[in-house]
Amino acid sequence: MHQAPRQASDMSSLLDALANASSRPRYAFMVLNLIAEVARPDGSAGPFIKRQGASISLRDWLSDALTPMGGRDPKRLALAARVRSELERDGRLPADEMAIRTMIDAEVLERVRTSAKTNLSRAVSELVGAGLLRRHYQGYCFDHQNRGAQRHVVYTLIGRSKCLLSRTSGPAAQPGRQGQLHLL
């Protein structure tokens, strides 16, 4: 008996599109998944996410969420040592060891967040080019395709990436609770 060719699932089609469009497909997939976690039913997320009663920009939240992926990276460990030596050289280290660690951790986090935003922008540009994500900037006066003038990014899942929405629209997803994860 002859079987008809099997049609690819939405997820396998998405993974194929990512493999062909992105220089870092695993990273791009993580970005899409995180956006899907906080997206509204129409697939859009941002410009701000509610976290522990505070509002944080979508880009900052995504950057912070992706930061642990490089926690054991030798470059990250070297960065902490470099920050400590810079603070020592400038005479800005406090006397208390706990305060020193807090100061170093804060500076490392800021530098890592800046680097993560660069990586995020590169991945998003590839996703936009692949037709998996749309980006616009919302804010002061009117929405626009370009940032600036106090505008903040909004990402919208489109095309094959919309299959990620069905995975996050179960009982854990509650309308009006953007950016809050609920454990089952």
N, C-alpha and C. Protein backbone atom coordinates (compact mmCIF):
# COMPACT_ATOMS: atom_id res chain seq x y z
N MET A 1 0.84 -1.18 0.00
CA MET A 1 0.00 0.00 0.00
C MET A 1 0.89 1.24 0.00
N HIS A 2 0.58 2.19 -0.78
CA HIS A 2 1.35 3.43 -0.94
C HIS A 2 0.79 4.49 0.00
N GLN A 3 1.68 5.06 0.84
CA GLN A 3 1.25 6.12 1.75
C GLN A 3 1.55 7.48 1.14
N ALA A 4 0.67 8.42 1.43
CA ALA A 4 0.88 9.80 0.98
C ALA A 4 2.06 10.38 1.74
N PRO A 5 2.82 11.28 1.12
CA PRO A 5 3.93 11.90 1.84
C PRO A 5 3.44 12.61 3.09
N ARG A 6 4.19 12.45 4.14
CA ARG A 6 3.82 13.04 5.41
C ARG A 6 4.05 14.55 5.37
N GLN A 7 3.07 15.30 5.83
CA GLN A 7 3.19 16.76 5.85
C GLN A 7 3.87 17.19 7.14
N ALA A 8 4.77 18.13 7.06
CA ALA A 8 5.51 18.59 8.22
C ALA A 8 4.60 19.33 9.19
N SER A 9 4.85 19.16 10.49
CA SER A 9 4.07 19.88 11.49
C SER A 9 4.47 21.35 11.47
N ASP A 10 3.64 22.17 12.13
CA ASP A 10 3.95 23.59 12.21
C ASP A 10 5.29 23.82 12.91
N MET A 11 5.55 23.04 13.97
CA MET A 11 6.79 23.22 14.72
C MET A 11 8.00 22.82 13.87
N SER A 12 7.91 21.70 13.16
CA SER A 12 9.06 21.30 12.34
C SER A 12 9.27 22.28 11.19
N SER A 13 8.20 22.86 10.67
CA SER A 13 8.35 23.89 9.64
C SER A 13 9.02 25.14 10.19
N LEU A 14 8.67 25.49 11.42
CA LEU A 14 9.30 26.64 12.08
C LEU A 14 10.79 26.37 12.29
N LEU A 15 11.12 25.19 12.78
CA LEU A 15 12.53 24.85 13.01
C LEU A 15 13.32 24.85 11.71
N ASP A 16 12.71 24.36 10.64
CA ASP A 16 13.36 24.38 9.34
C ASP A 16 13.61 25.82 8.88
N ALA A 17 12.60 26.69 9.07
CA ALA A 17 12.75 28.10 8.69
C ALA A 17 13.86 28.76 9.49
N LEU A 18 13.94 28.45 10.79
CA LEU A 18 14.99 29.03 11.62
C LEU A 18 16.38 28.55 11.20
N ALA A 19 16.48 27.26 10.88
CA ALA A 19 17.77 26.71 10.46
C ALA A 19 18.26 27.38 9.18
N ASN A 20 17.34 27.75 8.31
CA ASN A 20 17.71 28.37 7.04
C ASN A 20 17.91 29.89 7.14
N ALA A 21 17.29 30.53 8.13
CA ALA A 21 17.30 31.99 8.18
C ALA A 21 18.26 32.58 9.20
N SER A 22 18.62 31.80 10.20
CA SER A 22 19.38 32.35 11.32
C SER A 22 20.79 31.80 11.39
N SER A 23 21.71 32.67 11.78
CA SER A 23 23.09 32.22 12.01
C SER A 23 23.19 31.50 13.35
N ARG A 24 22.22 31.72 14.24
CA ARG A 24 22.16 31.06 15.54
C ARG A 24 20.73 30.58 15.79
N PRO A 25 20.32 29.49 15.12
CA PRO A 25 18.91 29.07 15.18
C PRO A 25 18.42 28.71 16.58
N ARG A 26 19.26 28.14 17.42
CA ARG A 26 18.82 27.80 18.79
C ARG A 26 18.52 29.06 19.59
N TYR A 27 19.38 30.04 19.46
CA TYR A 27 19.17 31.31 20.15
C TYR A 27 17.90 31.98 19.63
N ALA A 28 17.72 31.98 18.32
CA ALA A 28 16.52 32.58 17.73
C ALA A 28 15.26 31.88 18.21
N PHE A 29 15.33 30.55 18.35
CA PHE A 29 14.18 29.79 18.85
C PHE A 29 13.87 30.18 20.30
N MET A 30 14.90 30.37 21.11
CA MET A 30 14.68 30.81 22.50
C MET A 30 14.03 32.19 22.52
N VAL A 31 14.48 33.08 21.65
CA VAL A 31 13.89 34.43 21.57
C VAL A 31 12.40 34.32 21.23
N LEU A 32 12.08 33.54 20.21
CA LEU A 32 10.67 33.37 19.81
C LEU A 32 9.84 32.78 20.95
N ASN A 33 10.37 31.78 21.64
CA ASN A 33 9.65 31.17 22.76
C ASN A 33 9.38 32.16 23.87
N LEU A 34 10.38 32.97 24.20
CA LEU A 34 10.18 33.97 25.25
C LEU A 34 9.14 35.01 24.84
N ILE A 35 9.17 35.43 23.60
CA ILE A 35 8.16 36.38 23.12
C ILE A 35 6.78 35.75 23.19
N ALA A 36 6.67 34.48 22.80
CA ALA A 36 5.39 33.78 22.84
C ALA A 36 4.86 33.67 24.28
N GLU A 37 5.76 33.52 25.25
CA GLU A 37 5.35 33.43 26.66
C GLU A 37 4.60 34.67 27.13
N VAL A 38 5.02 35.83 26.66
CA VAL A 38 4.43 37.08 27.15
C VAL A 38 3.51 37.74 26.12
N ALA A 39 3.30 37.07 25.00
CA ALA A 39 2.49 37.67 23.92
C ALA A 39 1.01 37.66 24.27
N ARG A 40 0.33 38.66 23.76
CA ARG A 40 -1.12 38.71 23.84
C ARG A 40 -1.70 37.73 22.82
N PRO A 41 -3.00 37.47 22.84
CA PRO A 41 -3.58 36.51 21.89
C PRO A 41 -3.33 36.83 20.42
N ASP A 42 -3.10 38.11 20.09
CA ASP A 42 -2.83 38.47 18.69
C ASP A 42 -1.36 38.24 18.30
N GLY A 43 -0.55 37.77 19.26
CA GLY A 43 0.85 37.49 18.98
C GLY A 43 1.80 38.63 19.28
N SER A 44 1.28 39.77 19.73
CA SER A 44 2.15 40.92 20.00
C SER A 44 2.58 40.94 21.47
N ALA A 45 3.78 41.43 21.69
CA ALA A 45 4.32 41.55 23.05
C ALA A 45 5.05 42.87 23.17
N GLY A 46 4.88 43.51 24.32
CA GLY A 46 5.57 44.77 24.57
C GLY A 46 4.63 45.94 24.45
N PRO A 47 5.10 47.12 24.61
CA PRO A 47 6.48 47.50 24.82
C PRO A 47 6.99 47.25 26.24
N PHE A 48 6.06 47.02 27.20
CA PHE A 48 6.49 46.79 28.58
C PHE A 48 5.91 45.48 29.10
N ILE A 49 6.62 44.90 30.06
CA ILE A 49 6.22 43.66 30.71
C ILE A 49 6.10 43.96 32.20
N LYS A 50 5.05 43.45 32.83
CA LYS A 50 4.88 43.61 34.28
C LYS A 50 5.66 42.51 34.97
N ARG A 51 6.53 42.90 35.88
CA ARG A 51 7.33 41.95 36.65
C ARG A 51 7.36 42.40 38.11
N GLN A 52 6.83 41.57 39.00
CA GLN A 52 6.84 41.83 40.44
C GLN A 52 6.34 43.25 40.75
N GLY A 53 5.26 43.63 40.12
CA GLY A 53 4.65 44.92 40.35
C GLY A 53 5.32 46.09 39.65
N ALA A 54 6.42 45.83 38.95
CA ALA A 54 7.12 46.90 38.24
C ALA A 54 7.01 46.66 36.74
N SER A 55 7.18 47.71 35.99
CA SER A 55 7.12 47.64 34.54
C SER A 55 8.55 47.67 34.00
N ILE A 56 8.87 46.73 33.11
CA ILE A 56 10.19 46.64 32.51
C ILE A 56 10.02 46.58 31.00
N SER A 57 10.92 47.19 30.26
CA SER A 57 10.79 47.17 28.81
C SER A 57 10.97 45.74 28.30
N LEU A 58 10.31 45.42 27.21
CA LEU A 58 10.39 44.08 26.63
C LEU A 58 11.83 43.71 26.31
N ARG A 59 12.60 44.62 25.74
CA ARG A 59 14.00 44.33 25.39
C ARG A 59 14.83 44.04 26.63
N ASP A 60 14.63 44.81 27.71
CA ASP A 60 15.36 44.53 28.94
C ASP A 60 14.97 43.16 29.50
N TRP A 61 13.68 42.85 29.49
CA TRP A 61 13.22 41.56 30.00
C TRP A 61 13.80 40.41 29.18
N LEU A 62 13.74 40.52 27.86
CA LEU A 62 14.30 39.46 27.01
C LEU A 62 15.80 39.31 27.25
N SER A 63 16.50 40.42 27.34
CA SER A 63 17.95 40.37 27.58
C SER A 63 18.25 39.70 28.91
N ASP A 64 17.51 40.07 29.95
CA ASP A 64 17.72 39.47 31.27
C ASP A 64 17.36 37.99 31.26
N ALA A 65 16.30 37.62 30.55
CA ALA A 65 15.88 36.22 30.49
C ALA A 65 16.91 35.35 29.77
N LEU A 66 17.59 35.91 28.78
CA LEU A 66 18.59 35.16 28.02
C LEU A 66 19.98 35.18 28.67
N THR A 67 20.20 36.06 29.63
CA THR A 67 21.49 36.21 30.27
C THR A 67 22.01 34.93 30.93
N PRO A 68 21.20 34.15 31.63
CA PRO A 68 21.74 32.94 32.28
C PRO A 68 22.37 31.93 31.31
N MET A 69 22.06 32.03 30.03
CA MET A 69 22.61 31.08 29.07
C MET A 69 24.14 31.16 29.00
N GLY A 70 24.72 32.28 29.37
CA GLY A 70 26.17 32.43 29.32
C GLY A 70 26.81 32.50 30.70
N GLY A 71 26.11 32.07 31.73
CA GLY A 71 26.59 32.19 33.10
C GLY A 71 27.90 31.50 33.39
N ARG A 72 28.16 30.36 32.75
CA ARG A 72 29.40 29.63 33.00
C ARG A 72 30.44 29.88 31.92
N ASP A 73 30.13 30.78 31.04
CA ASP A 73 31.05 31.11 29.95
C ASP A 73 32.33 31.71 30.52
N PRO A 74 33.50 31.22 30.09
CA PRO A 74 34.76 31.79 30.60
C PRO A 74 34.86 33.31 30.36
N LYS A 75 34.23 33.80 29.30
CA LYS A 75 34.27 35.25 29.04
C LYS A 75 33.54 36.01 30.15
N ARG A 76 32.44 35.43 30.64
CA ARG A 76 31.68 36.09 31.72
C ARG A 76 32.51 36.12 33.00
N LEU A 77 33.19 35.03 33.29
CA LEU A 77 34.03 34.98 34.49
C LEU A 77 35.19 35.96 34.37
N ALA A 78 35.76 36.05 33.18
CA ALA A 78 36.86 37.00 32.96
C ALA A 78 36.36 38.44 33.07
N LEU A 79 35.11 38.68 32.66
CA LEU A 79 34.54 40.02 32.75
C LEU A 79 34.46 40.46 34.21
N ALA A 80 34.06 39.57 35.11
CA ALA A 80 33.97 39.92 36.52
C ALA A 80 35.35 40.29 37.07
N ALA A 81 36.37 39.54 36.67
CA ALA A 81 37.73 39.85 37.12
C ALA A 81 38.19 41.20 36.55
N ARG A 82 37.86 41.47 35.29
CA ARG A 82 38.24 42.73 34.65
C ARG A 82 37.54 43.91 35.33
N VAL A 83 36.25 43.74 35.67
CA VAL A 83 35.50 44.81 36.34
C VAL A 83 36.13 45.09 37.70
N ARG A 84 36.48 44.04 38.43
CA ARG A 84 37.10 44.23 39.75
C ARG A 84 38.41 45.02 39.63
N SER A 85 39.24 44.64 38.66
CA SER A 85 40.52 45.34 38.51
C SER A 85 40.31 46.80 38.07
N GLU A 86 39.31 47.07 37.24
CA GLU A 86 39.00 48.45 36.84
C GLU A 86 38.55 49.27 38.04
N LEU A 87 37.70 48.68 38.88
CA LEU A 87 37.23 49.40 40.07
C LEU A 87 38.37 49.64 41.06
N GLU A 88 39.25 48.66 41.19
CA GLU A 88 40.43 48.83 42.06
C GLU A 88 41.32 49.95 41.54
N ARG A 89 41.58 49.91 40.23
CA ARG A 89 42.45 50.91 39.60
C ARG A 89 41.89 52.33 39.79
N ASP A 90 40.56 52.45 39.70
CA ASP A 90 39.93 53.76 39.84
C ASP A 90 39.70 54.15 41.29
N GLY A 91 40.03 53.25 42.23
CA GLY A 91 39.84 53.54 43.65
C GLY A 91 38.39 53.62 44.06
N ARG A 92 37.54 52.89 43.39
CA ARG A 92 36.09 52.96 43.67
C ARG A 92 35.57 51.78 44.47
N LEU A 93 36.43 50.84 44.87
CA LEU A 93 35.98 49.68 45.63
C LEU A 93 35.72 50.06 47.08
N PRO A 94 34.58 49.68 47.63
CA PRO A 94 34.31 49.93 49.05
C PRO A 94 35.14 48.98 49.92
N ALA A 95 35.15 49.20 51.21
CA ALA A 95 35.95 48.38 52.12
C ALA A 95 35.29 47.04 52.41
N ASP A 96 33.99 47.00 52.46
CA ASP A 96 33.24 45.79 52.80
C ASP A 96 33.21 44.81 51.62
N GLU A 97 33.57 43.56 51.87
CA GLU A 97 33.61 42.53 50.81
C GLU A 97 32.23 42.29 50.19
N MET A 98 31.19 42.32 50.99
CA MET A 98 29.83 42.12 50.47
C MET A 98 29.45 43.27 49.53
N ALA A 99 29.81 44.48 49.89
CA ALA A 99 29.54 45.64 49.04
C ALA A 99 30.34 45.57 47.75
N ILE A 100 31.57 45.03 47.84
CA ILE A 100 32.39 44.86 46.64
C ILE A 100 31.71 43.89 45.67
N ARG A 101 31.25 42.75 46.21
CA ARG A 101 30.58 41.76 45.34
C ARG A 101 29.32 42.34 44.71
N THR A 102 28.56 43.08 45.50
CA THR A 102 27.33 43.70 44.99
C THR A 102 27.65 44.69 43.87
N MET A 103 28.67 45.50 44.08
CA MET A 103 29.07 46.49 43.07
C MET A 103 29.55 45.81 41.79
N ILE A 104 30.37 44.77 41.92
CA ILE A 104 30.88 44.05 40.76
C ILE A 104 29.74 43.36 40.02
N ASP A 105 28.85 42.70 40.76
CA ASP A 105 27.71 42.01 40.13
C ASP A 105 26.83 42.98 39.35
N ALA A 106 26.60 44.17 39.92
CA ALA A 106 25.76 45.16 39.25
C ALA A 106 26.42 45.65 37.95
N GLU A 107 27.72 45.88 37.99
CA GLU A 107 28.42 46.35 36.80
C GLU A 107 28.48 45.26 35.74
N VAL A 108 28.73 44.02 36.15
CA VAL A 108 28.75 42.90 35.21
C VAL A 108 27.38 42.74 34.57
N LEU A 109 26.32 42.81 35.38
CA LEU A 109 24.96 42.68 34.85
C LEU A 109 24.68 43.75 33.81
N GLU A 110 25.09 44.99 34.07
CA GLU A 110 24.85 46.08 33.12
C GLU A 110 25.59 45.84 31.81
N ARG A 111 26.83 45.40 31.89
CA ARG A 111 27.61 45.14 30.68
C ARG A 111 27.05 43.94 29.91
N VAL A 112 26.64 42.90 30.64
CA VAL A 112 26.07 41.72 29.99
C VAL A 112 24.74 42.07 29.33
N ARG A 113 23.94 42.91 29.99
CA ARG A 113 22.65 43.32 29.41
C ARG A 113 22.88 44.08 28.11
N THR A 114 23.87 44.95 28.08
CA THR A 114 24.20 45.70 26.86
C THR A 114 24.59 44.74 25.74
N SER A 115 25.43 43.78 26.06
CA SER A 115 25.85 42.78 25.07
C SER A 115 24.66 41.93 24.62
N ALA A 116 23.81 41.55 25.57
CA ALA A 116 22.63 40.73 25.24
C ALA A 116 21.68 41.48 24.31
N LYS A 117 21.55 42.78 24.50
CA LYS A 117 20.69 43.57 23.62
C LYS A 117 21.22 43.58 22.19
N THR A 118 22.54 43.60 22.04
CA THR A 118 23.14 43.53 20.71
C THR A 118 22.83 42.19 20.06
N ASN A 119 23.01 41.10 20.81
CA ASN A 119 22.71 39.76 20.29
C ASN A 119 21.23 39.63 19.97
N LEU A 120 20.38 40.17 20.85
CA LEU A 120 18.94 40.12 20.64
C LEU A 120 18.56 40.87 19.37
N SER A 121 19.11 42.05 19.16
CA SER A 121 18.79 42.84 17.96
C SER A 121 19.18 42.10 16.69
N ARG A 122 20.33 41.44 16.72
CA ARG A 122 20.79 40.68 15.55
C ARG A 122 19.83 39.51 15.26
N ALA A 123 19.45 38.79 16.31
CA ALA A 123 18.52 37.66 16.14
C ALA A 123 17.17 38.14 15.65
N VAL A 124 16.66 39.23 16.21
CA VAL A 124 15.36 39.76 15.80
C VAL A 124 15.40 40.20 14.34
N SER A 125 16.49 40.84 13.92
CA SER A 125 16.60 41.25 12.51
C SER A 125 16.53 40.04 11.58
N GLU A 126 17.18 38.94 11.97
CA GLU A 126 17.09 37.73 11.16
C GLU A 126 15.67 37.17 11.14
N LEU A 127 14.99 37.21 12.29
CA LEU A 127 13.62 36.71 12.36
C LEU A 127 12.66 37.57 11.55
N VAL A 128 12.88 38.88 11.56
CA VAL A 128 12.06 39.79 10.75
C VAL A 128 12.29 39.48 9.27
N GLY A 129 13.54 39.31 8.89
CA GLY A 129 13.88 39.00 7.50
C GLY A 129 13.30 37.67 7.04
N ALA A 130 13.14 36.73 7.97
CA ALA A 130 12.61 35.40 7.63
C ALA A 130 11.08 35.38 7.63
N GLY A 131 10.44 36.50 7.98
CA GLY A 131 8.98 36.55 8.00
C GLY A 131 8.38 35.83 9.20
N LEU A 132 9.12 35.76 10.31
CA LEU A 132 8.64 35.09 11.51
C LEU A 132 8.27 36.07 12.62
N LEU A 133 8.68 37.31 12.46
CA LEU A 133 8.46 38.32 13.49
C LEU A 133 8.31 39.68 12.82
N ARG A 134 7.43 40.50 13.39
CA ARG A 134 7.29 41.88 12.93
C ARG A 134 7.68 42.77 14.11
N ARG A 135 8.34 43.86 13.82
CA ARG A 135 8.82 44.76 14.87
C ARG A 135 8.33 46.16 14.53
N HIS A 136 7.79 46.84 15.53
CA HIS A 136 7.54 48.27 15.38
C HIS A 136 7.77 48.93 16.74
N TYR A 137 7.80 50.23 16.74
CA TYR A 137 8.11 50.97 17.96
C TYR A 137 6.91 51.80 18.36
N GLN A 138 6.52 51.66 19.62
CA GLN A 138 5.34 52.33 20.13
C GLN A 138 5.77 53.35 21.16
N GLY A 139 5.10 54.47 21.17
CA GLY A 139 5.46 55.45 22.19
C GLY A 139 4.98 56.84 21.89
N TYR A 140 5.82 57.78 22.22
CA TYR A 140 5.47 59.18 22.18
C TYR A 140 4.86 59.58 20.83
N CYS A 141 3.68 60.13 20.87
CA CYS A 141 2.91 60.66 19.74
C CYS A 141 2.32 59.58 18.84
N PHE A 142 3.16 58.74 18.19
CA PHE A 142 2.60 57.74 17.28
C PHE A 142 3.57 56.58 17.11
N ASP A 143 3.03 55.46 16.64
CA ASP A 143 3.87 54.29 16.39
C ASP A 143 4.70 54.52 15.14
N HIS A 144 5.82 53.81 15.06
CA HIS A 144 6.73 54.03 13.96
C HIS A 144 7.58 52.79 13.73
N GLN A 145 8.11 52.62 12.53
CA GLN A 145 8.99 51.51 12.22
C GLN A 145 10.40 51.70 12.77
N ASN A 146 10.77 52.93 13.08
CA ASN A 146 12.11 53.23 13.58
C ASN A 146 12.05 53.65 15.03
N ARG A 147 13.10 53.29 15.78
CA ARG A 147 13.13 53.66 17.19
C ARG A 147 13.54 55.12 17.35
N GLY A 148 13.51 55.57 18.59
CA GLY A 148 13.87 56.94 18.91
C GLY A 148 12.65 57.70 19.40
N ALA A 149 12.85 58.91 19.85
CA ALA A 149 11.76 59.78 20.31
C ALA A 149 10.91 59.10 21.37
N GLN A 150 11.56 58.44 22.35
CA GLN A 150 10.89 57.79 23.47
C GLN A 150 9.96 56.66 23.04
N ARG A 151 10.29 55.98 21.95
CA ARG A 151 9.49 54.84 21.50
C ARG A 151 10.16 53.56 21.97
N HIS A 152 9.34 52.54 22.25
CA HIS A 152 9.83 51.25 22.71
C HIS A 152 9.30 50.15 21.80
N VAL A 153 10.07 49.08 21.69
CA VAL A 153 9.79 48.03 20.72
C VAL A 153 8.57 47.18 21.11
N VAL A 154 7.84 46.78 20.08
CA VAL A 154 6.77 45.79 20.18
C VAL A 154 7.09 44.73 19.13
N TYR A 155 7.12 43.47 19.56
CA TYR A 155 7.35 42.35 18.64
C TYR A 155 6.04 41.61 18.46
N THR A 156 5.78 41.18 17.22
CA THR A 156 4.58 40.41 16.93
C THR A 156 4.97 39.14 16.18
N LEU A 157 4.56 38.01 16.70
CA LEU A 157 4.80 36.74 16.04
C LEU A 157 3.93 36.66 14.79
N ILE A 158 4.53 36.30 13.67
CA ILE A 158 3.79 36.17 12.41
C ILE A 158 4.23 34.89 11.71
N GLY A 159 3.49 34.53 10.70
CA GLY A 159 3.86 33.37 9.88
C GLY A 159 3.94 32.10 10.71
N ARG A 160 4.95 31.30 10.43
CA ARG A 160 5.11 30.01 11.09
C ARG A 160 5.33 30.12 12.59
N SER A 161 5.84 31.24 13.06
CA SER A 161 6.11 31.38 14.50
C SER A 161 4.84 31.44 15.33
N LYS A 162 3.69 31.66 14.71
CA LYS A 162 2.43 31.72 15.46
C LYS A 162 2.08 30.38 16.08
N CYS A 163 2.72 29.30 15.62
CA CYS A 163 2.45 27.99 16.23
C CYS A 163 2.89 27.97 17.69
N LEU A 164 3.79 28.85 18.08
CA LEU A 164 4.23 28.92 19.47
C LEU A 164 3.14 29.48 20.38
N LEU A 165 2.22 30.25 19.83
CA LEU A 165 1.14 30.81 20.63
C LEU A 165 0.21 29.73 21.16
N SER A 166 -0.06 28.71 20.36
CA SER A 166 -0.97 27.66 20.80
C SER A 166 -0.38 26.89 21.97
N ARG A 167 0.96 26.86 22.08
CA ARG A 167 1.60 26.17 23.19
C ARG A 167 1.48 26.96 24.48
N THR A 168 1.29 28.25 24.39
CA THR A 168 1.21 29.08 25.60
C THR A 168 -0.21 29.54 25.89
N SER A 169 -1.19 29.04 25.14
CA SER A 169 -2.56 29.53 25.35
C SER A 169 -3.41 28.55 26.13
N GLY A 170 -2.77 27.66 26.90
CA GLY A 170 -3.50 26.69 27.72
C GLY A 170 -4.03 27.34 28.98
N PRO A 171 -4.32 26.52 30.00
CA PRO A 171 -4.89 27.06 31.23
C PRO A 171 -3.95 27.99 31.98
N ALA A 172 -2.64 27.90 31.72
CA ALA A 172 -1.70 28.78 32.43
C ALA A 172 -1.72 30.21 31.88
N ALA A 173 -2.15 30.38 30.65
CA ALA A 173 -2.18 31.71 30.05
C ALA A 173 -3.46 32.42 30.43
N GLN A 174 -3.32 33.60 31.00
CA GLN A 174 -4.49 34.36 31.42
C GLN A 174 -4.43 35.73 30.77
N PRO A 175 -5.52 36.14 30.11
CA PRO A 175 -5.50 37.46 29.49
C PRO A 175 -5.29 38.56 30.54
N GLY A 176 -4.58 39.59 30.12
CA GLY A 176 -4.35 40.73 31.01
C GLY A 176 -3.20 40.51 31.98
N ARG A 177 -2.54 39.37 31.92
CA ARG A 177 -1.45 39.06 32.84
C ARG A 177 -0.15 38.92 32.06
N GLN A 178 0.08 39.79 31.12
CA GLN A 178 1.25 39.70 30.25
C GLN A 178 2.54 39.67 31.05
N GLY A 179 3.42 38.72 30.70
CA GLY A 179 4.72 38.65 31.30
C GLY A 179 4.80 37.89 32.60
N GLN A 180 3.67 37.34 33.07
CA GLN A 180 3.69 36.58 34.31
C GLN A 180 3.51 35.11 33.97
N LEU A 181 4.44 34.30 34.43
CA LEU A 181 4.38 32.87 34.19
C LEU A 181 3.58 32.21 35.31
N HIS A 182 2.76 31.27 34.95
CA HIS A 182 1.95 30.55 35.93
C HIS A 182 2.28 29.08 35.84
N LEU A 183 2.65 28.51 36.95
CA LEU A 183 2.97 27.10 36.98
C LEU A 183 1.71 26.29 37.19
N LEU A 184 1.62 25.17 36.51
CA LEU A 184 0.45 24.29 36.66
C LEU A 184 0.64 23.37 37.81
